Amino acid sequence: MKILLINKSLYPKGGDAISTITTGNLLYSKGHEVMFWGMAHPLNPEYPYKDCFVSCIDFNDPGTVKNQIKMAVNMLYSFEAKKNIEKLMKIERPDIVHLNNFAHQISPSILHVFKKYKIPVVMTMRDYKLICPTYTMVLNDKPCERCRNGRYYQCSINKCTKNSLLKSLLNTMEMYLHHNIMHIYDLIDVYISPSKFLKSKCEEMGFKGKIVYLPNFVRVEDFNPQYDWLESSIVYFGRLSEEKGLFTLIEAVKDIQGITLKIIGEGPLRERLELEVRNSGIRNIEFLGYKGGKELKEEIRKAMFVVYPSEWYENNPRSIIEGFALGKPALGARIGGIPELVKDNETGVTFESGNGEDLKAKIEYLRKNPNKIVEMGKTARVFVEQELNDEKHYEKLMEIYQKTLEGNYAMST
């Protein structure tokens, strides 16, 4: 089968890119012809047909007013993306297109090209963009569902996009254009949700597309588990942004003796987090910056457990799954799809999202129960081996592809 995988980022930048690349590698290993398409970026590997990629757009660095206007138009309907994907379709005609994260930098304009060439399309939902203009469903640091049943104007009323009325109006306009005027998402045959929570929340919020459940996976043999630990550390690894609950985590950890919190990753919040730690004289928190591959795995293997303190509706976090694969239980916030992975006293321990006292109490509990950490780490590893392995994922993904090609989306869930 010839499969085109699309994601705006195509180097290991975040969970969406890593999942897209990992899926491509899995499909390639099974003998399929795999193509990638997304933004041109200097950190990309040498992809075939990179001349057909779209220009790299960074919304955190908008530049001149002229460039900002161009970016706004592109976000609503990218003619460059449409033109470039059609150029690729004239060279290579895939049997199926698998979309991931493409909002804003690419836009759904490409769907009209796939319709023209009668190519079936599936999409893995990586966030809440289909029901929330800002994709996080967060307002004032709390989960928000004001846009339920297409009330996207709430984004503008509440200035949800970076507290800017203009940016919020643009996001509101984008949602009404795509969903209510163009109905462009009707051109996607089936949606894949990595968490049961995301699937049910989209349906509850009024999204009408056909959604099937398929969690993320890892190639288990790439992860060598370490059930005990080499140092008294706990690890957070991932994006450093507001919704990740990192200030709550710092507050919970700062007075705990004998434990070091290692924060691994980059993001817009890093400078503020480091300033908070420095100004408060906190000595048991380290910022290690970005780490990947073997270096990241070694930091996790040395630790007691991983922590995931999110304060938004997390989907199906790869960080937790990778921690499990390395034999580490997770201390996770009870929110979104996290409890589907972190089962209390089995694969880890949960705490009330945003509650620093509860988080602190759970860290203390784990520290005083080292045998429990080892036991849960072993259970977590078995959970990944049995439920989140590449073979099981491939089987289900092929079922989705096949039924999409046949025009039959009645999946066994």
Protein backbone atom coordinates (compact mmCIF):
# COMPACT_ATOMS: atom_id res chain seq x y z
CA MET A 1 0.00 0.00 0.00
CA LYS A 2 1.24 3.51 -0.81
CA ILE A 3 0.61 5.78 2.19
CA LEU A 4 1.13 9.54 2.50
CA LEU A 5 1.68 10.71 6.09
CA ILE A 6 1.15 14.41 6.75
CA ASN A 7 2.22 16.46 9.77
CA LYS A 8 3.30 20.08 9.87
CA SER A 9 6.54 19.19 11.73
CA LEU A 10 8.55 16.25 10.44
CA TYR A 11 11.49 16.17 12.82
CA PRO A 12 11.29 15.02 16.49
CA LYS A 13 9.85 18.29 17.82
CA GLY A 14 6.86 17.06 19.82
CA GLY A 15 4.49 14.17 20.35
CA ASP A 16 2.64 14.69 17.06
CA ALA A 17 5.83 14.64 14.97
CA ILE A 18 7.34 11.70 16.86
CA SER A 19 4.11 9.71 16.49
CA THR A 20 3.93 10.50 12.76
CA ILE A 21 7.54 9.48 12.15
CA THR A 22 7.18 6.34 14.31
CA THR A 23 4.04 5.33 12.41
CA GLY A 24 5.85 5.83 9.11
CA ASN A 25 8.75 3.68 10.25
CA LEU A 26 6.35 0.94 11.35
CA LEU A 27 4.52 0.96 8.01
CA TYR A 28 7.80 0.94 6.09
CA SER A 29 9.04 -2.04 8.12
CA LYS A 30 5.92 -3.94 7.03
CA GLY A 31 6.70 -3.42 3.35
CA HIS A 32 4.47 -0.43 2.57
CA GLU A 33 5.59 2.49 0.45
CA VAL A 34 5.59 5.48 2.80
CA MET A 35 5.83 9.17 1.91
CA PHE A 36 5.98 12.16 4.25
CA TRP A 37 4.75 15.69 3.59
CA GLY A 38 4.72 18.84 5.74
CA MET A 39 6.69 22.01 6.36
CA ALA A 40 10.20 22.49 4.99
CA HIS A 41 12.49 22.86 8.00
CA PRO A 42 16.30 22.80 8.35
CA LEU A 43 16.04 20.06 11.01
CA ASN A 44 14.07 17.74 8.72
CA PRO A 45 15.79 14.56 7.51
CA GLU A 46 16.38 14.29 3.76
CA TYR A 47 12.83 13.49 2.66
CA PRO A 48 12.01 12.65 -0.96
CA TYR A 49 9.88 15.30 -2.66
CA LYS A 50 10.94 17.95 -0.13
CA ASP A 51 10.62 20.46 -2.99
CA CYS A 52 6.87 19.94 -2.68
CA PHE A 53 6.82 20.81 1.04
CA VAL A 54 5.27 24.08 2.26
CA SER A 55 7.24 27.00 3.64
CA CYS A 56 8.10 26.85 7.33
CA ILE A 57 5.86 29.16 9.37
CA ASP A 58 6.57 30.15 12.97
CA PHE A 59 3.61 31.87 14.63
CA ASN A 60 5.86 32.80 17.58
CA ASP A 61 7.94 34.96 15.24
CA PRO A 62 5.40 36.68 12.94
CA GLY A 63 7.76 39.38 11.59
CA THR A 64 6.45 42.32 9.56
CA VAL A 65 2.81 43.39 9.28
CA LYS A 66 2.80 42.16 5.68
CA ASN A 67 4.03 38.76 6.83
CA GLN A 68 1.42 38.64 9.60
CA ILE A 69 -1.37 39.25 7.07
CA LYS A 70 0.04 36.50 4.86
CA MET A 71 0.13 34.12 7.83
CA ALA A 72 -3.47 34.95 8.74
CA VAL A 73 -4.68 34.21 5.20
CA ASN A 74 -2.60 31.04 5.13
CA MET A 75 -4.20 29.88 8.38
CA LEU A 76 -7.68 30.20 6.90
CA TYR A 77 -6.89 28.62 3.53
CA SER A 78 -3.34 28.01 2.34
CA PHE A 79 -3.10 28.26 -1.42
CA GLU A 80 0.60 27.39 -1.22
CA ALA A 81 -0.20 24.11 0.56
CA LYS A 82 -2.94 23.30 -1.94
CA LYS A 83 -0.66 24.02 -4.90
CA ASN A 84 2.29 22.05 -3.50
CA ILE A 85 0.29 18.98 -2.50
CA GLU A 86 -1.26 18.91 -5.98
CA LYS A 87 2.25 19.05 -7.41
CA LEU A 88 3.09 15.95 -5.36
CA MET A 89 -0.13 14.19 -6.43
CA LYS A 90 0.91 14.58 -10.07
CA ILE A 91 4.18 12.75 -9.27
CA GLU A 92 2.97 10.16 -6.75
CA ARG A 93 -0.61 9.01 -6.19
CA PRO A 94 -1.02 7.45 -2.71
CA ASP A 95 -3.67 4.84 -1.98
CA ILE A 96 -4.54 6.62 1.26
CA VAL A 97 -3.63 9.84 3.08
CA HIS A 98 -3.06 9.83 6.84
CA LEU A 99 -3.28 13.32 8.34
CA ASN A 100 -1.97 14.27 11.76
CA ASN A 101 -1.40 17.83 12.96
CA PHE A 102 -1.84 20.26 10.06
CA ALA A 103 -3.91 23.22 11.35
CA HIS A 104 -2.71 26.80 10.75
CA GLN A 105 0.66 26.24 9.06
CA ILE A 106 -0.82 23.95 6.38
CA SER A 107 -4.61 24.44 6.72
CA PRO A 108 -7.31 22.07 5.43
CA SER A 109 -7.07 23.48 1.89
CA ILE A 110 -5.24 20.26 0.95
CA LEU A 111 -8.45 18.27 1.49
CA HIS A 112 -9.89 19.70 -1.73
CA VAL A 113 -6.95 18.20 -3.64
CA PHE A 114 -7.50 14.74 -2.16
CA LYS A 115 -11.18 14.98 -3.05
CA LYS A 116 -10.28 15.94 -6.63
CA TYR A 117 -8.06 12.86 -6.98
CA LYS A 118 -10.52 10.62 -5.08
CA ILE A 119 -7.96 9.64 -2.43
CA PRO A 120 -9.38 8.40 0.91
CA VAL A 121 -8.29 10.35 4.00
CA VAL A 122 -7.93 9.38 7.65
CA MET A 123 -6.85 11.77 10.40
CA THR A 124 -5.32 11.10 13.81
CA MET A 125 -6.50 13.77 16.25
CA ARG A 126 -3.55 15.03 18.28
CA ASP A 127 -5.45 17.73 20.19
CA TYR A 128 -8.89 19.41 20.42
CA LYS A 129 -8.60 21.67 17.36
CA LEU A 130 -11.74 20.19 15.76
CA ILE A 131 -13.89 21.49 18.64
CA CYS A 132 -11.81 24.30 20.20
CA PRO A 133 -10.43 27.32 18.29
CA THR A 134 -7.28 27.33 20.45
CA TYR A 135 -6.97 23.49 20.50
CA THR A 136 -6.35 23.20 24.28
CA MET A 137 -9.85 23.68 25.76
CA VAL A 138 -8.28 25.84 28.48
CA LEU A 139 -9.37 29.29 29.68
CA ASN A 140 -7.80 31.09 32.64
CA ASP A 141 -5.77 27.97 33.46
CA LYS A 142 -8.91 25.82 33.78
CA PRO A 143 -10.58 23.34 31.39
CA CYS A 144 -13.16 25.16 29.26
CA GLU A 145 -16.09 23.86 27.20
CA ARG A 146 -17.74 27.14 26.22
CA CYS A 147 -17.51 26.35 22.48
CA ARG A 148 -19.79 23.33 22.85
CA ASN A 149 -22.05 22.68 19.83
CA GLY A 150 -20.22 25.14 17.58
CA ARG A 151 -20.39 28.27 19.76
CA TYR A 152 -16.97 29.34 18.54
CA TYR A 153 -17.72 33.03 19.16
CA GLN A 154 -16.87 32.32 22.80
CA CYS A 155 -13.22 32.37 21.75
CA SER A 156 -13.52 36.04 20.77
CA ILE A 157 -15.66 37.03 23.76
CA ASN A 158 -13.09 35.57 26.16
CA LYS A 159 -9.99 36.51 24.11
CA CYS A 160 -8.83 32.91 24.34
CA THR A 161 -5.92 33.22 21.91
CA LYS A 162 -3.04 34.76 23.87
CA ASN A 163 -5.50 37.24 25.43
CA SER A 164 -5.66 39.05 22.07
CA LEU A 165 -9.01 40.07 20.59
CA LEU A 166 -7.57 40.19 17.06
CA LYS A 167 -5.98 36.74 17.25
CA SER A 168 -9.10 35.33 18.89
CA LEU A 169 -11.29 36.78 16.13
CA LEU A 170 -9.05 35.13 13.55
CA ASN A 171 -9.33 31.74 15.27
CA THR A 172 -13.10 32.19 15.56
CA MET A 173 -13.35 33.06 11.86
CA GLU A 174 -11.24 30.01 11.00
CA MET A 175 -13.62 27.67 12.84
CA TYR A 176 -16.80 29.11 11.29
CA LEU A 177 -15.24 29.11 7.81
CA HIS A 178 -14.06 25.51 7.98
CA HIS A 179 -16.97 23.96 9.87
CA ASN A 180 -20.05 26.03 9.04
CA ILE A 181 -19.38 27.54 5.61
CA MET A 182 -17.02 25.18 3.79
CA HIS A 183 -17.83 22.00 5.78
CA ILE A 184 -14.32 21.03 4.77
CA TYR A 185 -13.78 18.46 7.52
CA ASP A 186 -16.56 16.38 5.97
CA LEU A 187 -13.91 15.44 3.38
CA ILE A 188 -12.09 13.30 5.97
CA ASP A 189 -13.40 9.73 5.91
CA VAL A 190 -12.59 8.68 9.45
CA TYR A 191 -10.92 10.18 12.53
CA ILE A 192 -8.56 8.25 14.81
CA SER A 193 -8.55 9.17 18.50
CA PRO A 194 -5.56 8.02 20.59
CA SER A 195 -7.62 8.26 23.79
CA LYS A 196 -11.15 7.25 24.69
CA PHE A 197 -11.47 10.59 26.47
CA LEU A 198 -10.76 12.63 23.33
CA LYS A 199 -13.24 10.54 21.34
CA SER A 200 -16.03 10.96 23.89
CA LYS A 201 -15.29 14.66 24.45
CA CYS A 202 -15.45 15.43 20.70
CA GLU A 203 -18.76 13.57 20.40
CA GLU A 204 -20.11 15.26 23.53
CA MET A 205 -19.09 18.71 22.20
CA GLY A 206 -21.07 18.16 19.01
CA PHE A 207 -18.47 16.96 16.48
CA LYS A 208 -20.21 14.79 13.86
CA GLY A 209 -17.31 12.97 12.20
CA LYS A 210 -16.81 9.20 12.48
CA ILE A 211 -14.24 8.57 15.25
CA VAL A 212 -12.44 5.31 16.08
CA TYR A 213 -10.12 4.62 19.00
CA LEU A 214 -6.46 3.66 18.51
CA PRO A 215 -3.90 4.55 21.22
CA ASN A 216 -0.28 5.53 20.64
CA PHE A 217 2.36 2.82 20.65
CA VAL A 218 6.07 2.22 21.09
CA ARG A 219 8.45 -0.33 19.63
CA VAL A 220 8.98 -2.19 22.89
CA GLU A 221 12.36 -3.68 21.97
CA ASP A 222 13.78 -0.14 21.70
CA PHE A 223 13.29 0.35 25.45
CA ASN A 224 15.45 -1.47 28.02
CA PRO A 225 13.61 -1.31 31.38
CA GLN A 226 15.29 -0.41 34.68
CA TYR A 227 12.93 -1.22 37.57
CA ASP A 228 15.07 0.07 40.42
CA TRP A 229 16.79 3.45 40.29
CA LEU A 230 20.30 4.84 40.32
CA GLU A 231 19.43 8.18 41.92
CA SER A 232 16.60 9.69 43.97
CA SER A 233 15.19 11.69 41.09
CA ILE A 234 11.82 12.09 39.44
CA VAL A 235 11.52 13.20 35.84
CA TYR A 236 9.17 15.39 33.83
CA PHE A 237 9.93 15.33 30.12
CA GLY A 238 7.92 17.14 27.49
CA ARG A 239 6.90 20.60 26.39
CA LEU A 240 7.34 23.45 28.88
CA SER A 241 4.07 25.35 28.50
CA GLU A 242 1.28 26.75 30.67
CA GLU A 243 -1.13 23.84 30.41
CA LYS A 244 1.43 21.28 31.60
CA GLY A 245 1.03 22.15 35.30
CA LEU A 246 4.73 22.81 35.89
CA PHE A 247 4.29 25.63 38.42
CA THR A 248 2.09 23.29 40.46
CA LEU A 249 4.83 20.65 40.21
CA ILE A 250 7.55 23.07 41.36
CA GLU A 251 5.44 24.17 44.32
CA ALA A 252 4.83 20.53 45.30
CA VAL A 253 8.47 19.46 45.06
CA LYS A 254 10.36 22.43 46.49
CA ASP A 255 10.19 21.41 50.17
CA ILE A 256 10.60 17.65 49.73
CA GLN A 257 13.95 16.54 51.09
CA GLY A 258 16.04 13.88 49.39
CA ILE A 259 14.42 14.06 45.94
CA THR A 260 15.57 15.92 42.82
CA LEU A 261 13.11 16.91 40.11
CA LYS A 262 14.62 16.89 36.64
CA ILE A 263 12.70 18.92 34.06
CA ILE A 264 13.63 17.87 30.53
CA GLY A 265 12.39 19.75 27.48
CA GLU A 266 11.96 23.17 25.93
CA GLY A 267 9.05 25.53 25.48
CA PRO A 268 7.75 29.07 25.98
CA LEU A 269 7.60 28.69 29.78
CA ARG A 270 11.21 27.67 30.39
CA GLU A 271 12.55 31.13 31.23
CA ARG A 272 9.74 31.86 33.71
CA LEU A 273 10.11 28.45 35.34
CA GLU A 274 13.86 28.86 35.79
CA LEU A 275 13.33 32.37 37.19
CA GLU A 276 10.79 31.04 39.70
CA VAL A 277 13.20 28.34 40.87
CA ARG A 278 16.13 30.74 41.08
CA ASN A 279 14.25 33.54 42.86
CA SER A 280 12.74 31.11 45.36
CA GLY A 281 16.12 29.61 46.20
CA ILE A 282 14.94 26.10 45.31
CA ARG A 283 17.86 23.68 45.16
CA ASN A 284 16.25 20.35 44.28
CA ILE A 285 15.08 21.18 40.75
CA GLU A 286 17.25 20.92 37.64
CA PHE A 287 16.48 22.06 34.08
CA LEU A 288 18.25 19.82 31.57
CA GLY A 289 16.89 21.35 28.35
CA TYR A 290 16.06 19.22 25.34
CA LYS A 291 17.23 15.63 25.36
CA GLY A 292 16.30 12.86 22.98
CA GLY A 293 17.11 9.30 22.07
CA LYS A 294 19.55 7.39 24.23
CA GLU A 295 20.39 10.40 26.41
CA LEU A 296 16.74 10.91 27.38
CA LYS A 297 16.19 7.22 28.04
CA GLU A 298 19.19 7.11 30.39
CA GLU A 299 17.83 10.00 32.46
CA ILE A 300 14.49 8.21 32.80
CA ARG A 301 16.09 4.85 33.60
CA LYS A 302 18.07 6.44 36.45
CA ALA A 303 14.93 7.96 38.00
CA MET A 304 12.40 6.58 40.50
CA PHE A 305 9.34 7.46 38.42
CA VAL A 306 8.04 9.95 35.85
CA VAL A 307 5.58 12.71 36.67
CA TYR A 308 2.92 14.22 34.42
CA PRO A 309 1.12 17.14 36.16
CA SER A 310 -1.06 18.39 33.28
CA GLU A 311 -3.86 20.90 33.82
CA TRP A 312 -5.57 20.43 30.46
CA TYR A 313 -7.40 17.53 28.84
CA GLU A 314 -4.34 15.49 27.85
CA ASN A 315 -4.85 13.07 24.99
CA ASN A 316 -2.64 9.94 25.15
CA PRO A 317 0.78 11.20 26.30
CA ARG A 318 3.76 9.48 24.70
CA SER A 319 5.89 10.55 27.68
CA ILE A 320 3.91 8.30 30.01
CA ILE A 321 4.02 5.37 27.56
CA GLU A 322 7.78 5.73 27.07
CA GLY A 323 8.26 5.91 30.84
CA PHE A 324 6.25 2.69 31.20
CA ALA A 325 8.37 1.01 28.53
CA LEU A 326 11.47 1.89 30.56
CA GLY A 327 9.96 0.28 33.66
CA LYS A 328 8.94 3.50 35.37
CA PRO A 329 5.48 4.04 36.87
CA ALA A 330 3.88 7.46 36.42
CA LEU A 331 2.51 9.99 38.84
CA GLY A 332 -0.17 11.57 36.67
CA ALA A 333 -2.88 14.20 36.98
CA ARG A 334 -6.42 12.85 36.97
CA ILE A 335 -7.48 14.66 33.81
CA GLY A 336 -8.19 13.88 30.15
CA GLY A 337 -6.77 10.61 28.87
CA ILE A 338 -4.11 10.25 31.59
CA PRO A 339 -6.16 7.87 33.82
CA GLU A 340 -6.53 5.50 30.84
CA LEU A 341 -2.78 4.90 31.17
CA VAL A 342 -2.07 5.59 34.84
CA LYS A 343 -4.19 3.12 36.77
CA ASP A 344 -3.98 3.74 40.52
CA ASN A 345 -1.64 1.37 42.34
CA GLU A 346 -1.16 -0.67 39.15
CA THR A 347 0.82 1.37 36.61
CA GLY A 348 1.24 4.42 38.83
CA VAL A 349 -0.63 6.86 41.04
CA THR A 350 -2.96 9.72 40.12
CA PHE A 351 -3.62 13.03 41.87
CA GLU A 352 -6.16 15.81 41.49
CA SER A 353 -5.09 18.04 38.60
CA GLY A 354 -3.91 21.45 39.80
CA ASN A 355 -3.81 20.39 43.46
CA GLY A 356 -0.23 20.89 44.64
CA GLU A 357 -0.91 19.48 48.10
CA ASP A 358 -2.31 16.25 46.67
CA LEU A 359 0.65 16.01 44.28
CA LYS A 360 3.11 16.53 47.15
CA ALA A 361 1.35 13.88 49.26
CA LYS A 362 1.55 11.36 46.40
CA ILE A 363 5.27 12.03 45.87
CA GLU A 364 5.82 11.46 49.60
CA TYR A 365 3.76 8.26 49.45
CA LEU A 366 5.84 6.87 46.60
CA ARG A 367 9.12 7.86 48.22
CA LYS A 368 8.15 5.91 51.36
CA ASN A 369 7.09 2.85 49.34
CA PRO A 370 10.06 1.89 47.14
CA ASN A 371 8.84 -1.68 46.68
CA LYS A 372 5.56 -0.32 45.31
CA ILE A 373 7.47 1.75 42.74
CA VAL A 374 9.28 -1.36 41.48
CA GLU A 375 6.07 -3.42 41.42
CA MET A 376 4.13 -0.75 39.50
CA GLY A 377 7.05 -0.25 37.10
CA LYS A 378 6.93 -3.92 36.19
CA THR A 379 3.16 -3.78 35.71
CA ALA A 380 3.53 -0.67 33.54
CA ARG A 381 6.08 -2.41 31.33
CA VAL A 382 3.79 -5.44 30.89
CA PHE A 383 0.89 -3.08 30.04
CA VAL A 384 2.94 -1.57 27.20
CA GLU A 385 4.13 -4.99 26.01
CA GLN A 386 0.58 -6.34 25.84
CA GLU A 387 -1.54 -3.31 24.88
CA LEU A 388 0.64 -0.59 23.33
CA ASN A 389 3.06 -2.57 21.19
CA ASP A 390 3.75 -1.96 17.50
CA GLU A 391 2.22 -5.24 16.26
CA LYS A 392 -1.15 -4.59 17.89
CA HIS A 393 -1.13 -1.00 16.62
CA TYR A 394 -0.27 -2.09 13.09
CA GLU A 395 -3.09 -4.65 13.01
CA LYS A 396 -5.69 -2.10 14.06
CA LEU A 397 -4.30 0.62 11.78
CA MET A 398 -4.47 -1.73 8.80
CA GLU A 399 -8.08 -2.51 9.69
CA ILE A 400 -8.84 1.21 9.68
CA TYR A 401 -7.06 1.76 6.35
CA GLN A 402 -8.78 -1.22 4.73
CA LYS A 403 -12.25 -0.23 5.87
CA THR A 404 -11.59 3.34 4.75
CA LEU A 405 -10.59 2.12 1.28
CA GLU A 406 -13.75 0.00 1.17
CA GLY A 407 -15.91 2.92 2.32
CA ASN A 408 -16.91 1.05 5.47
CA TYR A 409 -16.16 2.78 8.78
CA ALA A 410 -18.10 0.53 11.17
CA MET A 411 -15.11 -0.27 13.34
CA SER A 412 -14.93 -2.86 16.10
CA THR A 413 -13.83 -0.77 19.11
